[in-house]
């Protein structure tokens, strides 16, 4: 099924409203603000920072990191090089020594912009919506190599993508049905970052097929039997869909409608103890929190309570990165030196798995 390429990008007014220019909040996921308890990550007042002050805040925070590193390095000399780095840094994180919400440089600033308070802990950084900026120089060259290489030709040459069960095919490397969602999440920013019509057509074709074949109860994906469904494979798909909705305002209404249908079903499944059994979803649940917070802030549609409830259920049922990154549990030695080696049955395997560790940084 060939689709006519849709026009992407944002108008000047859309860029202002989306946050590309003008006042906006700059955030980084901090769902586990309190790393020592089951703290509710809601807050009564979330001051929002105009983007015009973002660079000053970034420099201020970077300077604090540098000063802390210099201070610890100096102290280390008096400990004969055996300074307890882990304990000190862990204490700094737990007490928000480096990042206090009420920083003097923010509180002393004046702003004519009035923003409503959010019940979610503010991000420290927020990515600009896809399409706001374009790659140049080295980055443009590297993305061009991807587009002209394997990444840009998997749709027509790699069965895991082109013959995926998500598209009515039969090629998949595991029952998780995660192959096409992974590809989709990567191709969306590549296609729109380069403004490549060929890649955008691939993205649009897949999106149209997946959303058109959304099941009656709201499920996204090829799994028909509810007893064999697991929500994990939807995480990278929704990350890609959220980016696509940011980049293409014409597609946004259709995407948001389908995503909310799925979220309502996911909330029901989590409430019934269904569909959250695979360790991959339980350890990478912050990926879905990113999508849910994006919806909550940009496309609330009167469903804020249900969205927040879904976030709480994911956090409650997911594996705790905060517990793993605690003294006495964190594995600080070379994993290759551990005997017997850590296998998939080990309780900490989900946290030492390489991809999990990288994605888990979203939660701390």
Protein backbone atom coordinates (compact mmCIF):
# COMPACT_ATOMS: atom_id res chain seq x y z
CA UNK A 1 0.00 0.00 0.00
CA UNK A 2 1.66 3.21 -1.17
CA UNK A 3 0.74 6.42 0.60
CA UNK A 4 1.25 9.94 -0.63
CA UNK A 5 3.97 11.54 1.48
CA UNK A 6 2.45 13.94 3.98
CA UNK A 7 3.93 17.33 4.63
CA UNK A 8 5.91 17.40 7.87
CA UNK A 9 7.38 20.14 9.98
CA UNK A 10 5.76 22.91 12.00
CA UNK A 11 4.61 26.39 11.16
CA UNK A 12 6.03 29.37 13.04
CA UNK A 13 2.98 29.57 15.31
CA UNK A 14 3.04 25.80 15.89
CA UNK A 15 6.72 25.98 16.81
CA UNK A 16 5.95 28.63 19.41
CA UNK A 17 3.09 26.62 20.89
CA UNK A 18 5.10 23.37 20.76
CA UNK A 19 8.04 24.91 22.56
CA UNK A 20 10.59 25.33 19.77
CA UNK A 21 10.75 29.04 20.51
CA UNK A 22 9.28 31.25 23.18
CA UNK A 23 8.47 30.23 26.77
CA UNK A 24 8.58 26.54 27.54
CA UNK A 25 9.46 24.14 30.29
CA UNK A 26 12.81 22.35 30.09
CA UNK A 27 12.64 18.95 31.75
CA UNK A 28 14.30 15.57 32.19
CA UNK A 29 12.45 12.49 33.48
CA UNK A 30 12.63 12.41 37.29
CA UNK A 31 9.86 9.98 38.15
CA UNK A 32 11.90 8.59 41.02
CA UNK A 33 12.62 11.89 42.72
CA UNK A 34 12.95 10.26 46.12
CA UNK A 35 15.39 7.39 45.69
CA UNK A 36 15.07 6.06 49.23
CA UNK A 37 11.32 5.46 49.57
CA UNK A 38 8.14 4.76 47.68
CA UNK A 39 7.70 8.48 47.26
CA UNK A 40 4.78 9.66 45.13
CA UNK A 41 6.30 11.66 42.32
CA UNK A 42 3.43 14.14 42.37
CA UNK A 43 4.12 17.55 43.79
CA UNK A 44 1.89 20.46 44.72
CA UNK A 45 3.84 23.13 42.91
CA UNK A 46 6.05 22.66 39.87
CA UNK A 47 7.57 25.99 38.86
CA UNK A 48 8.16 26.07 35.13
CA UNK A 49 11.17 27.71 33.57
CA UNK A 50 11.09 29.84 30.40
CA UNK A 51 13.38 28.44 27.75
CA UNK A 52 15.17 31.79 27.51
CA UNK A 53 16.87 30.98 30.84
CA UNK A 54 17.62 27.34 29.99
CA UNK A 55 21.21 27.87 28.86
CA UNK A 56 22.08 29.70 32.07
CA UNK A 57 20.62 26.90 34.16
CA UNK A 58 22.46 24.24 32.16
CA UNK A 59 25.75 26.04 32.64
CA UNK A 60 25.04 26.49 36.34
CA UNK A 61 24.36 22.78 36.79
CA UNK A 62 27.36 21.79 34.72
CA UNK A 63 29.51 24.08 36.86
CA UNK A 64 28.21 22.36 39.98
CA UNK A 65 29.24 18.98 38.61
CA UNK A 66 32.72 20.31 37.83
CA UNK A 67 33.09 21.86 41.28
CA UNK A 68 31.94 18.66 42.96
CA UNK A 69 34.40 16.59 40.90
CA UNK A 70 37.27 18.96 41.77
CA UNK A 71 36.33 18.94 45.44
CA UNK A 72 36.14 15.14 45.58
CA UNK A 73 39.42 14.87 43.72
CA UNK A 74 41.09 17.17 46.25
CA UNK A 75 39.66 15.28 49.21
CA UNK A 76 40.76 12.01 47.65
CA UNK A 77 44.39 13.09 47.92
CA UNK A 78 44.07 13.08 51.71
CA UNK A 79 42.61 9.58 51.61
CA UNK A 80 45.57 8.17 49.70
CA UNK A 81 43.40 7.65 46.66
CA UNK A 82 40.90 5.47 48.53
CA UNK A 83 38.05 7.91 48.85
CA UNK A 84 34.49 6.43 49.11
CA UNK A 85 33.29 7.82 45.78
CA UNK A 86 30.15 5.71 45.51
CA UNK A 87 28.84 6.62 48.97
CA UNK A 88 29.44 10.32 48.41
CA UNK A 89 27.82 10.45 44.97
CA UNK A 90 24.92 8.33 46.16
CA UNK A 91 24.40 10.78 49.03
CA UNK A 92 24.49 13.70 46.58
CA UNK A 93 21.79 12.08 44.44
CA UNK A 94 19.59 11.12 47.37
CA UNK A 95 19.68 14.60 48.85
CA UNK A 96 19.48 16.39 45.48
CA UNK A 97 22.72 18.11 46.38
CA UNK A 98 23.28 19.07 42.76
CA UNK A 99 19.75 19.70 41.58
CA UNK A 100 17.47 21.46 44.02
CA UNK A 101 14.05 22.42 42.61
CA UNK A 102 14.16 25.74 44.45
CA UNK A 103 17.45 27.05 43.07
CA UNK A 104 18.26 30.69 43.83
CA UNK A 105 19.06 31.37 40.17
CA UNK A 106 15.52 30.37 39.27
CA UNK A 107 13.68 31.83 42.24
CA UNK A 108 15.36 35.20 41.93
CA UNK A 109 14.52 35.47 38.23
CA UNK A 110 11.42 37.30 37.12
CA UNK A 111 9.15 36.20 34.33
CA UNK A 112 6.02 37.58 32.74
CA UNK A 113 4.97 34.06 31.77
CA UNK A 114 2.40 32.38 33.98
CA UNK A 115 2.27 28.59 33.77
CA UNK A 116 -0.18 26.28 35.55
CA UNK A 117 1.29 24.01 38.20
CA UNK A 118 1.79 20.37 37.25
CA UNK A 119 1.36 17.41 39.62
CA UNK A 120 4.44 15.80 38.01
CA UNK A 121 8.02 16.51 38.98
CA UNK A 122 9.44 18.84 36.31
CA UNK A 123 11.89 17.56 33.76
CA UNK A 124 15.29 19.21 33.96
CA UNK A 125 15.68 19.03 30.19
CA UNK A 126 13.05 18.61 27.51
CA UNK A 127 13.85 17.52 23.95
CA UNK A 128 12.70 19.98 21.33
CA UNK A 129 9.81 18.56 19.27
CA UNK A 130 10.99 16.57 16.28
CA UNK A 131 11.24 18.84 13.26
CA UNK A 132 12.19 21.99 15.15
CA UNK A 133 15.86 21.68 14.31
CA UNK A 134 17.74 20.18 11.37
CA UNK A 135 21.10 18.38 11.41
CA UNK A 136 24.08 20.04 9.74
CA UNK A 137 27.71 19.14 9.13
CA UNK A 138 28.98 15.93 10.66
CA UNK A 139 25.61 14.90 12.11
CA UNK A 140 23.88 15.40 8.78
CA UNK A 141 26.56 13.27 7.09
CA UNK A 142 26.15 10.46 9.63
CA UNK A 143 22.38 10.47 9.35
CA UNK A 144 22.71 10.43 5.58
CA UNK A 145 24.89 7.34 5.82
CA UNK A 146 22.21 5.66 7.94
CA UNK A 147 19.47 6.62 5.48
CA UNK A 148 21.44 5.29 2.53
CA UNK A 149 22.65 2.21 4.40
CA UNK A 150 21.01 -0.59 6.37
CA UNK A 151 18.75 1.58 8.53
CA UNK A 152 17.17 3.23 5.51
CA UNK A 153 16.58 -0.01 3.60
CA UNK A 154 15.36 -2.48 6.22
CA UNK A 155 11.73 -1.90 5.30
CA UNK A 156 12.19 -3.41 1.85
CA UNK A 157 15.00 -5.89 2.58
CA UNK A 158 14.80 -7.13 6.20
CA UNK A 159 12.01 -9.66 6.89
CA UNK A 160 11.85 -8.80 10.60
CA UNK A 161 10.60 -5.36 9.49
CA UNK A 162 8.94 -5.78 6.09
CA UNK A 163 7.38 -9.16 6.88
CA UNK A 164 6.62 -8.41 10.52
CA UNK A 165 3.46 -9.76 12.17
CA UNK A 166 2.64 -6.11 12.84
CA UNK A 167 2.17 -5.77 9.06
CA UNK A 168 0.39 -9.08 8.52
CA UNK A 169 3.60 -11.05 7.94
CA UNK A 170 5.19 -13.93 9.81
CA UNK A 171 8.85 -13.03 10.42
CA UNK A 172 9.84 -12.28 14.03
CA UNK A 173 12.80 -13.30 16.16
CA UNK A 174 10.84 -13.72 19.40
CA UNK A 175 7.35 -13.84 20.81
CA UNK A 176 7.85 -10.32 22.16
CA UNK A 177 7.01 -8.88 18.72
CA UNK A 178 9.42 -6.02 19.32
CA UNK A 179 11.33 -6.00 16.04
CA UNK A 180 9.18 -3.58 14.07
CA UNK A 181 8.54 -1.23 17.04
CA UNK A 182 12.31 -0.88 17.55
CA UNK A 183 12.77 -0.06 13.86
CA UNK A 184 9.86 2.38 13.85
CA UNK A 185 11.14 4.28 16.89
CA UNK A 186 14.48 4.79 15.14
CA UNK A 187 13.23 5.54 11.65
CA UNK A 188 10.81 8.31 12.64
CA UNK A 189 13.53 10.73 13.82
CA UNK A 190 15.83 9.71 10.98
CA UNK A 191 13.14 10.38 8.37
CA UNK A 192 12.01 13.70 9.79
CA UNK A 193 15.45 14.82 10.88
CA UNK A 194 16.61 14.55 7.27
CA UNK A 195 13.21 15.52 5.82
CA UNK A 196 13.61 12.45 3.61
CA UNK A 197 10.43 11.78 1.60
CA UNK A 198 11.34 8.13 0.95
CA UNK A 199 11.80 7.35 4.63
CA UNK A 200 8.78 9.40 5.64
CA UNK A 201 6.66 7.35 3.24
CA UNK A 202 7.85 4.16 4.99
CA UNK A 203 6.96 5.65 8.37
CA UNK A 204 3.52 6.72 7.16
CA UNK A 205 2.73 3.36 5.57
CA UNK A 206 3.58 1.47 8.75
CA UNK A 207 1.71 3.92 10.96
CA UNK A 208 -1.39 3.74 8.75
CA UNK A 209 -1.37 -0.07 8.74
CA UNK A 210 -0.80 -0.44 12.49
CA UNK A 211 -3.45 2.12 13.47
CA UNK A 212 -5.95 0.88 10.88
CA UNK A 213 -5.59 -2.65 12.29
CA UNK A 214 -5.88 -1.60 15.92
CA UNK A 215 -8.09 -4.18 17.57
CA UNK A 216 -11.60 -3.42 18.79
CA UNK A 217 -10.59 -3.29 22.45
CA UNK A 218 -7.77 -0.83 21.72
CA UNK A 219 -4.86 -3.27 21.55
CA UNK A 220 -2.01 -2.29 19.22
CA UNK A 221 -0.21 -5.24 17.69
CA UNK A 222 -0.77 -8.66 16.15
CA UNK A 223 -1.58 -10.55 19.38
CA UNK A 224 -5.26 -11.51 19.32
CA UNK A 225 -5.50 -13.76 22.40
CA UNK A 226 -5.60 -11.47 25.44
CA UNK A 227 -3.93 -14.13 27.54
CA UNK A 228 -0.83 -13.98 25.34
CA UNK A 229 -0.45 -10.21 25.25
CA UNK A 230 2.38 -8.31 26.88
CA UNK A 231 2.56 -4.54 26.74
CA UNK A 232 6.37 -4.35 26.44
CA UNK A 233 6.54 -4.29 22.63
CA UNK A 234 4.24 -1.24 22.65
CA UNK A 235 6.81 0.90 24.49
CA UNK A 236 9.12 1.63 21.53
CA UNK A 237 6.10 1.87 19.21
CA UNK A 238 4.53 4.63 21.31
CA UNK A 239 7.86 6.44 21.59
CA UNK A 240 7.93 6.56 17.80
CA UNK A 241 4.28 7.58 17.54
CA UNK A 242 4.76 10.46 19.99
CA UNK A 243 7.68 11.74 17.96
CA UNK A 244 5.65 11.45 14.76
CA UNK A 245 2.76 13.38 16.30
CA UNK A 246 5.22 16.14 17.25
CA UNK A 247 6.73 16.25 13.78
CA UNK A 248 3.56 16.06 11.70
CA UNK A 249 0.54 18.01 12.92
CA UNK A 250 -1.68 16.49 10.20
CA UNK A 251 -1.14 13.00 11.59
CA UNK A 252 -1.31 14.01 15.24
CA UNK A 253 -5.11 13.71 15.81
CA UNK A 254 -5.24 10.17 14.42
CA UNK A 255 -2.20 9.12 16.46
CA UNK A 256 -3.45 10.62 19.72
CA UNK A 257 -6.86 9.00 19.35
CA UNK A 258 -5.36 5.54 18.82
CA UNK A 259 -2.79 5.94 21.58
CA UNK A 260 -5.47 6.86 24.11
CA UNK A 261 -7.53 3.83 23.12
CA UNK A 262 -4.51 1.67 23.87
CA UNK A 263 -3.74 3.46 27.15
CA UNK A 264 -7.27 2.90 28.41
CA UNK A 265 -6.86 -0.81 27.68
CA UNK A 266 -3.39 -0.86 29.27
CA UNK A 267 -4.81 0.71 32.43
CA UNK A 268 -7.48 -1.98 32.56
CA UNK A 269 -4.93 -4.75 32.00
CA UNK A 270 -2.58 -3.45 34.68
CA UNK A 271 -5.51 -3.15 37.11
CA UNK A 272 -6.36 -6.81 36.44
CA UNK A 273 -2.75 -8.02 36.69
CA UNK A 274 -2.53 -8.75 32.96
CA UNK A 275 0.09 -8.13 30.27
CA UNK A 276 3.03 -6.98 32.40
CA UNK A 277 4.96 -10.18 32.95
CA UNK A 278 8.07 -9.88 30.76
CA UNK A 279 11.10 -8.46 32.58
CA UNK A 280 11.84 -6.17 29.63
CA UNK A 281 8.72 -4.12 30.17
CA UNK A 282 8.98 -4.19 33.95
CA UNK A 283 12.56 -2.89 33.91
CA UNK A 284 12.09 -0.40 31.05
CA UNK A 285 8.77 1.03 32.19
CA UNK A 286 10.26 4.58 32.28
CA UNK A 287 10.03 4.51 28.46
CA UNK A 288 6.26 4.38 28.75
CA UNK A 289 6.27 7.04 31.47
CA UNK A 290 7.92 9.39 28.98
CA UNK A 291 5.06 8.80 26.53
CA UNK A 292 2.40 9.17 29.20
CA UNK A 293 3.83 12.40 30.56
CA UNK A 294 4.06 13.77 27.02
CA UNK A 295 0.37 13.01 26.52
CA UNK A 296 -0.53 14.42 29.93
CA UNK A 297 1.14 17.73 29.19
CA UNK A 298 0.45 18.19 25.47
CA UNK A 299 -2.73 16.23 24.72
CA UNK A 300 -4.63 15.76 28.03
CA UNK A 301 -8.11 15.36 26.42
CA UNK A 302 -9.77 15.24 29.84
CA UNK A 303 -8.06 11.92 30.64
CA UNK A 304 -5.43 13.23 33.06
CA UNK A 305 -6.55 11.16 36.04
CA UNK A 306 -6.48 7.93 34.05
CA UNK A 307 -3.07 8.82 32.59
CA UNK A 308 -1.63 9.52 36.04
CA UNK A 309 -3.14 6.33 37.40
CA UNK A 310 -1.50 4.33 34.61
CA UNK A 311 1.86 5.93 35.41
CA UNK A 312 1.51 4.95 39.07
CA UNK A 313 0.60 1.38 38.21
CA UNK A 314 3.62 1.01 35.92
CA UNK A 315 5.94 2.37 38.59
CA UNK A 316 4.39 0.22 41.32
CA UNK A 317 4.55 -2.98 39.25
CA UNK A 318 7.88 -2.27 37.58
CA UNK A 319 11.34 -3.16 38.85
CA UNK A 320 13.00 -0.47 40.95
CA UNK A 321 16.17 1.12 39.59
CA UNK A 322 16.40 3.16 42.78
CA UNK A 323 16.72 -0.03 44.84
CA UNK A 324 19.38 -1.41 42.52
CA UNK A 325 21.46 1.77 42.62
CA UNK A 326 21.87 1.55 46.38
CA UNK A 327 24.93 0.72 48.42
CA UNK A 328 25.19 -2.96 49.15
CA UNK A 329 23.24 -4.01 46.10
CA UNK A 330 24.81 -2.22 43.14
CA UNK A 331 27.35 -4.48 41.42
CA UNK A 332 30.41 -2.27 41.14
CA UNK A 333 32.92 -4.89 39.99
CA UNK A 334 33.68 -6.13 36.48
CA UNK A 335 30.86 -8.53 35.62
CA UNK A 336 33.33 -10.84 33.89
CA UNK A 337 35.05 -11.47 37.23
CA UNK A 338 31.90 -12.75 38.96
CA UNK A 339 31.81 -16.50 39.51
CA UNK A 340 29.37 -18.08 38.98
CA UNK A 341 28.43 -15.67 36.22
CA UNK A 342 25.17 -13.72 36.29
CA UNK A 343 22.60 -15.49 34.14
CA UNK A 344 19.06 -14.63 33.11
CA UNK A 345 17.80 -16.29 36.31
CA UNK A 346 19.79 -13.96 38.59
CA UNK A 347 17.66 -11.34 40.39
CA UNK A 348 19.92 -8.54 39.15
CA UNK A 349 20.15 -9.70 35.54
CA UNK A 350 17.56 -7.13 34.37
CA UNK A 351 19.75 -4.34 35.74
CA UNK A 352 23.10 -5.46 34.32
CA UNK A 353 21.75 -6.21 30.85
CA UNK A 354 23.47 -3.61 28.67
CA UNK A 355 20.45 -2.12 26.91
CA UNK A 356 18.39 -2.16 30.09
CA UNK A 357 21.11 -0.25 31.94
CA UNK A 358 21.14 2.45 29.28
CA UNK A 359 17.37 2.82 29.16
CA UNK A 360 17.14 2.63 32.94
CA UNK A 361 18.92 5.98 33.15
CA UNK A 362 15.53 7.50 32.30
CA UNK A 363 14.35 6.64 35.79
CA UNK A 364 17.13 8.12 37.95
